[in-house]
């Protein structure tokens, strides 16, 4: 035994079993706290482990506790929309949280169907699931039916769904209120797909600002799926001497900046541009763009910590909010 330890300072379960004359099953039960083990035997095993600095193998520990120590992060495929940087930050944030708790992350992409996620669940490859904002409608009912712990990054009307999202509606409203109070009343709203829940949230904030300021909202200046025909939209509204373009997300905003550059329209000299979502490219853009800023990475780190609490039956709060801020970068605001 001594010679073996001199060759390697890594203590194995076989070493413990041989030294203490107990079975590996008994050792596993003592470590996991599950199953019957005599009090003195358990104390002897735990004292030995502490003295030798033994660290259970993750696989063995998972088997002993019926856990995989894996979390699935579910992302959409490219056809479901959404900004790639948002999903990258989601993945990084959850992964950082998982590492602090000795968990690993399994990336799952929802393509034409949900089969990839179902295989993970049915083969018991993951302990829990993190759903990013853009997910198929059948996913949540499936996870609930199969009693799989999950958290949604976004908002679900079901208060029993564990979820986390930012206060984007309030932040979007506050940004538009600032515009209206500065007499920028001829605003053009450039939205993405109306089907996306986050679009409804942001547009609700937009409408709320007009309502609070008692200014009528011109529906002719609201455009959906704007990224597909920005050139035509810009040409049509500039004739109306508009004050500001309000972009519902950073993708539309960056495309709009390029369109305005091509048309030699100055920002903010000729027209203002603001965005309801920020990203690194907007933050460092040569043209200062005021935007609603969300630290997605920190929010998703928190989502990772919450799902692990849920997996470990620590009963986390169901509805969780993460604060947005407004990054004022334009000289006119």
Protein backbone atom coordinates (compact mmCIF):
# COMPACT_ATOMS: atom_id res chain seq x y z
CA UNK A 1 0.00 0.00 0.00
CA UNK A 2 2.72 2.47 0.94
CA UNK A 3 4.65 1.72 -2.27
CA UNK A 4 1.54 2.21 -4.32
CA UNK A 5 0.86 5.57 -2.68
CA UNK A 6 4.43 6.69 -3.33
CA UNK A 7 3.93 6.01 -7.04
CA UNK A 8 0.68 7.99 -7.13
CA UNK A 9 -0.87 10.30 -4.58
CA UNK A 10 -4.32 9.64 -6.03
CA UNK A 11 -6.37 7.50 -3.62
CA UNK A 12 -8.87 5.16 -5.25
CA UNK A 13 -11.99 3.51 -3.91
CA UNK A 14 -10.13 0.17 -4.08
CA UNK A 15 -7.47 1.59 -1.76
CA UNK A 16 -10.10 2.61 0.78
CA UNK A 17 -11.86 -0.77 0.55
CA UNK A 18 -8.59 -2.65 1.08
CA UNK A 19 -7.38 -0.48 3.95
CA UNK A 20 -10.68 -0.44 5.85
CA UNK A 21 -11.84 -3.93 4.87
CA UNK A 22 -15.22 -2.68 3.60
CA UNK A 23 -16.97 -3.06 0.27
CA UNK A 24 -17.03 -0.37 -2.40
CA UNK A 25 -20.84 -0.34 -2.13
CA UNK A 26 -20.54 0.59 1.53
CA UNK A 27 -18.09 3.36 0.66
CA UNK A 28 -20.46 4.74 -2.00
CA UNK A 29 -23.34 4.72 0.46
CA UNK A 30 -21.27 6.50 3.09
CA UNK A 31 -20.23 9.19 0.57
CA UNK A 32 -23.69 9.70 -0.97
CA UNK A 33 -25.62 9.43 2.29
CA UNK A 34 -28.02 7.00 0.62
CA UNK A 35 -28.56 3.43 1.77
CA UNK A 36 -27.85 1.75 5.09
CA UNK A 37 -24.41 2.12 6.63
CA UNK A 38 -23.60 1.65 10.31
CA UNK A 39 -22.80 4.85 12.14
CA UNK A 40 -19.30 3.79 13.19
CA UNK A 41 -18.49 2.41 9.73
CA UNK A 42 -19.65 5.61 8.05
CA UNK A 43 -17.63 7.73 10.47
CA UNK A 44 -14.55 5.58 9.86
CA UNK A 45 -14.89 5.91 6.07
CA UNK A 46 -15.47 9.68 6.13
CA UNK A 47 -12.56 10.22 8.53
CA UNK A 48 -10.28 8.20 6.25
CA UNK A 49 -11.40 10.15 3.19
CA UNK A 50 -10.80 13.45 4.95
CA UNK A 51 -7.36 12.41 6.16
CA UNK A 52 -6.25 11.12 2.74
CA UNK A 53 -7.82 13.93 0.73
CA UNK A 54 -9.82 11.48 -1.37
CA UNK A 55 -12.01 13.07 -4.07
CA UNK A 56 -14.70 10.80 -5.53
CA UNK A 57 -14.60 10.26 -9.26
CA UNK A 58 -17.40 12.30 -10.85
CA UNK A 59 -18.76 9.31 -12.74
CA UNK A 60 -18.82 7.12 -9.64
CA UNK A 61 -20.39 9.90 -7.60
CA UNK A 62 -23.06 10.40 -10.25
CA UNK A 63 -23.87 6.70 -10.27
CA UNK A 64 -24.12 6.64 -6.49
CA UNK A 65 -26.55 9.57 -6.48
CA UNK A 66 -28.42 8.63 -9.68
CA UNK A 67 -27.24 11.89 -11.24
CA UNK A 68 -25.34 12.61 -14.44
CA UNK A 69 -23.97 16.01 -13.39
CA UNK A 70 -24.92 17.23 -16.87
CA UNK A 71 -27.16 20.17 -17.82
CA UNK A 72 -28.58 20.64 -21.30
CA UNK A 73 -28.60 24.16 -22.77
CA UNK A 74 -31.18 24.24 -25.56
CA UNK A 75 -30.54 26.64 -28.44
CA UNK A 76 -32.59 27.19 -31.60
CA UNK A 77 -31.31 26.47 -35.06
CA UNK A 78 -30.49 29.44 -37.31
CA UNK A 79 -33.98 29.45 -38.82
CA UNK A 80 -35.71 30.25 -35.54
CA UNK A 81 -34.31 33.78 -35.36
CA UNK A 82 -32.43 35.58 -32.65
CA UNK A 83 -29.01 37.11 -32.29
CA UNK A 84 -26.07 34.70 -32.25
CA UNK A 85 -24.22 36.79 -29.66
CA UNK A 86 -27.16 36.44 -27.25
CA UNK A 87 -27.08 32.66 -27.46
CA UNK A 88 -23.30 32.58 -27.19
CA UNK A 89 -23.50 34.58 -23.97
CA UNK A 90 -26.26 32.26 -22.73
CA UNK A 91 -24.05 29.24 -23.29
CA UNK A 92 -20.99 30.83 -21.68
CA UNK A 93 -22.94 32.08 -18.67
CA UNK A 94 -24.60 28.73 -17.91
CA UNK A 95 -21.31 26.89 -18.45
CA UNK A 96 -19.49 29.15 -15.98
CA UNK A 97 -22.19 28.50 -13.38
CA UNK A 98 -22.10 24.75 -14.05
CA UNK A 99 -18.34 24.58 -13.55
CA UNK A 100 -18.64 26.13 -10.08
CA UNK A 101 -20.91 23.23 -9.07
CA UNK A 102 -19.00 20.39 -10.81
CA UNK A 103 -21.55 20.13 -13.61
CA UNK A 104 -20.94 19.89 -17.34
CA UNK A 105 -23.04 21.40 -20.13
CA UNK A 106 -24.49 19.48 -23.07
CA UNK A 107 -25.37 21.72 -26.03
CA UNK A 108 -28.67 20.78 -27.66
CA UNK A 109 -29.87 22.43 -30.87
CA UNK A 110 -33.54 22.22 -31.79
CA UNK A 111 -33.54 21.67 -35.52
CA UNK A 112 -36.66 20.51 -37.37
CA UNK A 113 -37.96 18.68 -34.32
CA UNK A 114 -37.28 18.04 -30.63
CA UNK A 115 -35.76 14.56 -31.05
CA UNK A 116 -32.28 15.57 -29.87
CA UNK A 117 -33.63 16.83 -26.55
CA UNK A 118 -35.96 13.86 -26.16
CA UNK A 119 -33.06 11.44 -26.63
CA UNK A 120 -31.12 13.12 -23.82
CA UNK A 121 -34.12 12.95 -21.51
CA UNK A 122 -35.18 9.41 -22.34
CA UNK A 123 -31.62 8.08 -22.08
CA UNK A 124 -31.18 9.92 -18.76
CA UNK A 125 -28.17 11.86 -20.00
CA UNK A 126 -28.98 15.13 -18.19
CA UNK A 127 -30.26 16.19 -14.78
CA UNK A 128 -31.86 19.43 -15.95
CA UNK A 129 -32.46 21.71 -18.91
CA UNK A 130 -31.92 25.42 -19.59
CA UNK A 131 -34.27 26.69 -22.29
CA UNK A 132 -33.11 29.82 -24.07
CA UNK A 133 -35.60 32.38 -25.22
CA UNK A 134 -36.49 30.87 -28.60
CA UNK A 135 -37.90 27.40 -28.04
CA UNK A 136 -40.62 25.33 -29.65
CA UNK A 137 -44.03 25.38 -27.97
CA UNK A 138 -44.07 21.63 -27.31
CA UNK A 139 -40.83 21.61 -25.30
CA UNK A 140 -42.19 22.92 -21.98
CA UNK A 141 -45.18 20.53 -21.86
CA UNK A 142 -42.84 17.62 -22.69
CA UNK A 143 -40.40 18.49 -19.89
CA UNK A 144 -43.24 18.97 -17.38
CA UNK A 145 -44.84 15.67 -18.35
CA UNK A 146 -41.53 13.86 -17.82
CA UNK A 147 -40.73 15.66 -14.54
CA UNK A 148 -37.47 17.08 -15.90
CA UNK A 149 -36.13 20.09 -13.95
CA UNK A 150 -35.83 23.08 -16.29
CA UNK A 151 -35.56 26.84 -16.33
CA UNK A 152 -36.72 29.18 -19.08
CA UNK A 153 -34.66 32.23 -19.99
CA UNK A 154 -37.64 34.34 -20.92
CA UNK A 155 -41.23 34.72 -19.74
CA UNK A 156 -43.95 32.08 -19.62
CA UNK A 157 -47.51 32.93 -18.52
CA UNK A 158 -47.52 29.82 -16.30
CA UNK A 159 -46.33 31.02 -12.88
CA UNK A 160 -45.33 27.45 -12.00
CA UNK A 161 -42.62 27.47 -14.69
CA UNK A 162 -39.17 28.27 -13.28
CA UNK A 163 -38.06 31.29 -15.29
CA UNK A 164 -35.71 34.24 -15.42
CA UNK A 165 -35.87 37.32 -17.58
CA UNK A 166 -34.87 40.95 -17.55
CA UNK A 167 -37.16 43.92 -17.00
CA UNK A 168 -37.02 44.71 -20.72
CA UNK A 169 -40.55 46.04 -21.05
CA UNK A 170 -39.92 48.67 -18.37
CA UNK A 171 -36.51 49.58 -19.81
CA UNK A 172 -37.87 49.90 -23.36
CA UNK A 173 -40.69 52.08 -22.08
CA UNK A 174 -38.27 54.33 -20.19
CA UNK A 175 -36.07 54.81 -23.26
CA UNK A 176 -39.03 55.82 -25.43
CA UNK A 177 -40.34 58.15 -22.71
CA UNK A 178 -36.98 59.96 -22.83
CA UNK A 179 -37.34 60.36 -26.60
CA UNK A 180 -40.90 61.66 -26.37
CA UNK A 181 -40.04 64.10 -23.61
CA UNK A 182 -37.28 65.53 -25.83
CA UNK A 183 -39.94 66.16 -28.49
CA UNK A 184 -38.81 63.27 -30.68
CA UNK A 185 -42.41 62.33 -31.36
CA UNK A 186 -42.19 61.04 -34.94
CA UNK A 187 -40.72 57.64 -34.13
CA UNK A 188 -40.45 54.66 -36.46
CA UNK A 189 -40.58 51.22 -34.85
CA UNK A 190 -38.53 48.52 -36.63
CA UNK A 191 -39.55 45.14 -35.25
CA UNK A 192 -38.51 41.56 -35.94
CA UNK A 193 -41.07 38.74 -36.06
CA UNK A 194 -44.36 39.36 -34.24
CA UNK A 195 -44.38 35.67 -33.32
CA UNK A 196 -41.48 36.07 -30.89
CA UNK A 197 -42.51 36.57 -27.28
CA UNK A 198 -39.63 38.97 -26.65
CA UNK A 199 -40.88 41.15 -29.51
CA UNK A 200 -44.28 41.41 -27.84
CA UNK A 201 -42.62 42.42 -24.57
CA UNK A 202 -40.49 45.14 -26.17
CA UNK A 203 -43.36 46.49 -28.27
CA UNK A 204 -45.59 46.60 -25.18
CA UNK A 205 -42.99 48.86 -23.58
CA UNK A 206 -42.98 51.02 -26.71
CA UNK A 207 -46.79 51.39 -26.65
CA UNK A 208 -46.83 52.01 -22.91
CA UNK A 209 -44.52 55.01 -23.31
CA UNK A 210 -46.87 56.68 -25.80
CA UNK A 211 -49.84 55.96 -23.56
CA UNK A 212 -48.16 57.43 -20.46
CA UNK A 213 -47.13 60.56 -22.35
CA UNK A 214 -50.61 60.84 -23.90
CA UNK A 215 -49.20 60.96 -27.40
CA UNK A 216 -50.97 59.03 -30.18
CA UNK A 217 -48.97 56.16 -31.68
CA UNK A 218 -48.86 56.27 -35.48
CA UNK A 219 -49.43 52.66 -36.59
CA UNK A 220 -48.19 53.55 -40.07
CA UNK A 221 -44.74 53.94 -38.52
CA UNK A 222 -44.67 50.40 -37.09
CA UNK A 223 -42.95 47.79 -39.26
CA UNK A 224 -42.57 44.05 -38.57
CA UNK A 225 -39.98 41.74 -40.12
CA UNK A 226 -38.17 44.99 -40.84
CA UNK A 227 -34.78 43.38 -41.53
CA UNK A 228 -36.11 41.92 -44.78
CA UNK A 229 -36.92 45.26 -46.44
CA UNK A 230 -35.05 48.00 -44.59
CA UNK A 231 -34.16 49.91 -47.74
CA UNK A 232 -37.79 50.39 -48.75
CA UNK A 233 -38.85 51.29 -45.21
CA UNK A 234 -36.14 53.92 -44.85
CA UNK A 235 -36.99 55.48 -48.22
CA UNK A 236 -40.69 55.68 -47.36
CA UNK A 237 -40.41 57.18 -43.86
CA UNK A 238 -37.61 59.69 -44.47
CA UNK A 239 -40.02 61.63 -46.65
CA UNK A 240 -42.10 62.19 -43.50
CA UNK A 241 -39.23 63.98 -41.70
CA UNK A 242 -39.13 61.44 -38.89
CA UNK A 243 -37.17 62.04 -35.68
CA UNK A 244 -35.89 58.62 -34.71
CA UNK A 245 -35.71 54.94 -35.66
CA UNK A 246 -36.42 52.61 -32.72
CA UNK A 247 -34.92 49.18 -33.47
CA UNK A 248 -36.34 46.25 -31.56
CA UNK A 249 -33.01 44.43 -31.53
CA UNK A 250 -29.32 44.84 -32.26
CA UNK A 251 -29.41 42.85 -35.51
CA UNK A 252 -31.91 45.24 -37.09
CA UNK A 253 -30.03 48.21 -35.66
CA UNK A 254 -26.70 47.23 -37.22
CA UNK A 255 -28.35 46.63 -40.59
CA UNK A 256 -30.09 49.99 -40.35
CA UNK A 257 -26.79 51.77 -39.67
CA UNK A 258 -25.35 50.29 -42.88
CA UNK A 259 -28.44 51.31 -44.90
CA UNK A 260 -28.29 54.88 -43.58
CA UNK A 261 -24.55 55.07 -44.32
CA UNK A 262 -25.17 54.00 -47.91
CA UNK A 263 -27.83 56.69 -48.26
CA UNK A 264 -25.51 59.26 -46.64
CA UNK A 265 -27.99 59.89 -43.81
CA UNK A 266 -26.17 61.20 -40.73
CA UNK A 267 -26.70 59.71 -37.25
CA UNK A 268 -27.61 61.61 -35.11
CA UNK A 269 -27.39 64.71 -37.32
CA UNK A 270 -30.24 63.81 -39.70
CA UNK A 271 -32.03 61.19 -37.65
CA UNK A 272 -31.70 59.48 -34.29
CA UNK A 273 -31.30 55.71 -33.90
CA UNK A 274 -31.81 53.72 -30.69
CA UNK A 275 -31.96 49.99 -30.00
CA UNK A 276 -33.97 47.90 -27.56
CA UNK A 277 -31.09 45.43 -27.31
CA UNK A 278 -27.38 46.03 -27.07
CA UNK A 279 -24.35 44.00 -28.11
CA UNK A 280 -20.58 44.38 -28.22
CA UNK A 281 -20.59 45.62 -31.80
CA UNK A 282 -23.09 48.36 -30.99
CA UNK A 283 -21.19 49.24 -27.83
CA UNK A 284 -17.99 49.80 -29.83
CA UNK A 285 -19.58 51.22 -32.96
CA UNK A 286 -18.06 54.38 -34.43
CA UNK A 287 -21.58 55.86 -34.36
CA UNK A 288 -22.86 56.26 -30.78
CA UNK A 289 -26.10 54.31 -30.41
CA UNK A 290 -28.15 54.54 -27.25
CA UNK A 291 -29.47 51.08 -26.33
CA UNK A 292 -31.15 49.02 -23.64
CA UNK A 293 -28.27 47.07 -22.15
CA UNK A 294 -28.56 43.60 -20.64
CA UNK A 295 -25.62 41.66 -19.26
CA UNK A 296 -26.77 38.39 -20.81
CA UNK A 297 -23.78 36.45 -19.55
CA UNK A 298 -24.45 37.37 -15.91
CA UNK A 299 -28.17 36.67 -16.28
CA UNK A 300 -27.48 33.22 -17.72
CA UNK A 301 -24.87 32.54 -15.03
CA UNK A 302 -27.67 33.13 -12.54
CA UNK A 303 -29.96 30.85 -14.58
CA UNK A 304 -27.34 28.10 -14.31
CA UNK A 305 -27.10 28.49 -10.54
CA UNK A 306 -30.89 28.42 -10.20
CA UNK A 307 -31.37 25.23 -12.25
CA UNK A 308 -28.75 23.45 -10.15
CA UNK A 309 -30.60 24.56 -7.00
CA UNK A 310 -33.76 23.13 -8.54
CA UNK A 311 -32.03 19.85 -9.39
CA UNK A 312 -30.84 19.62 -5.79
CA UNK A 313 -34.36 20.25 -4.43
CA UNK A 314 -33.45 23.60 -2.90
CA UNK A 315 -36.77 25.16 -4.04
CA UNK A 316 -35.54 28.32 -5.81
CA UNK A 317 -37.90 31.22 -6.43
CA UNK A 318 -40.06 30.57 -9.51
CA UNK A 319 -40.02 34.03 -11.11
CA UNK A 320 -36.63 35.72 -11.26
CA UNK A 321 -35.84 39.14 -12.69
CA UNK A 322 -32.55 40.59 -13.88
CA UNK A 323 -32.00 44.32 -14.18
CA UNK A 324 -31.55 46.09 -17.53
CA UNK A 325 -29.98 49.51 -17.91
CA UNK A 326 -30.03 52.15 -20.64
CA UNK A 327 -26.62 52.88 -22.15
CA UNK A 328 -26.79 56.51 -23.24
CA UNK A 329 -24.27 56.96 -26.05
CA UNK A 330 -25.87 59.43 -28.43
CA UNK A 331 -25.10 63.12 -27.95
CA UNK A 332 -28.75 64.07 -28.52
CA UNK A 333 -30.12 62.06 -25.58
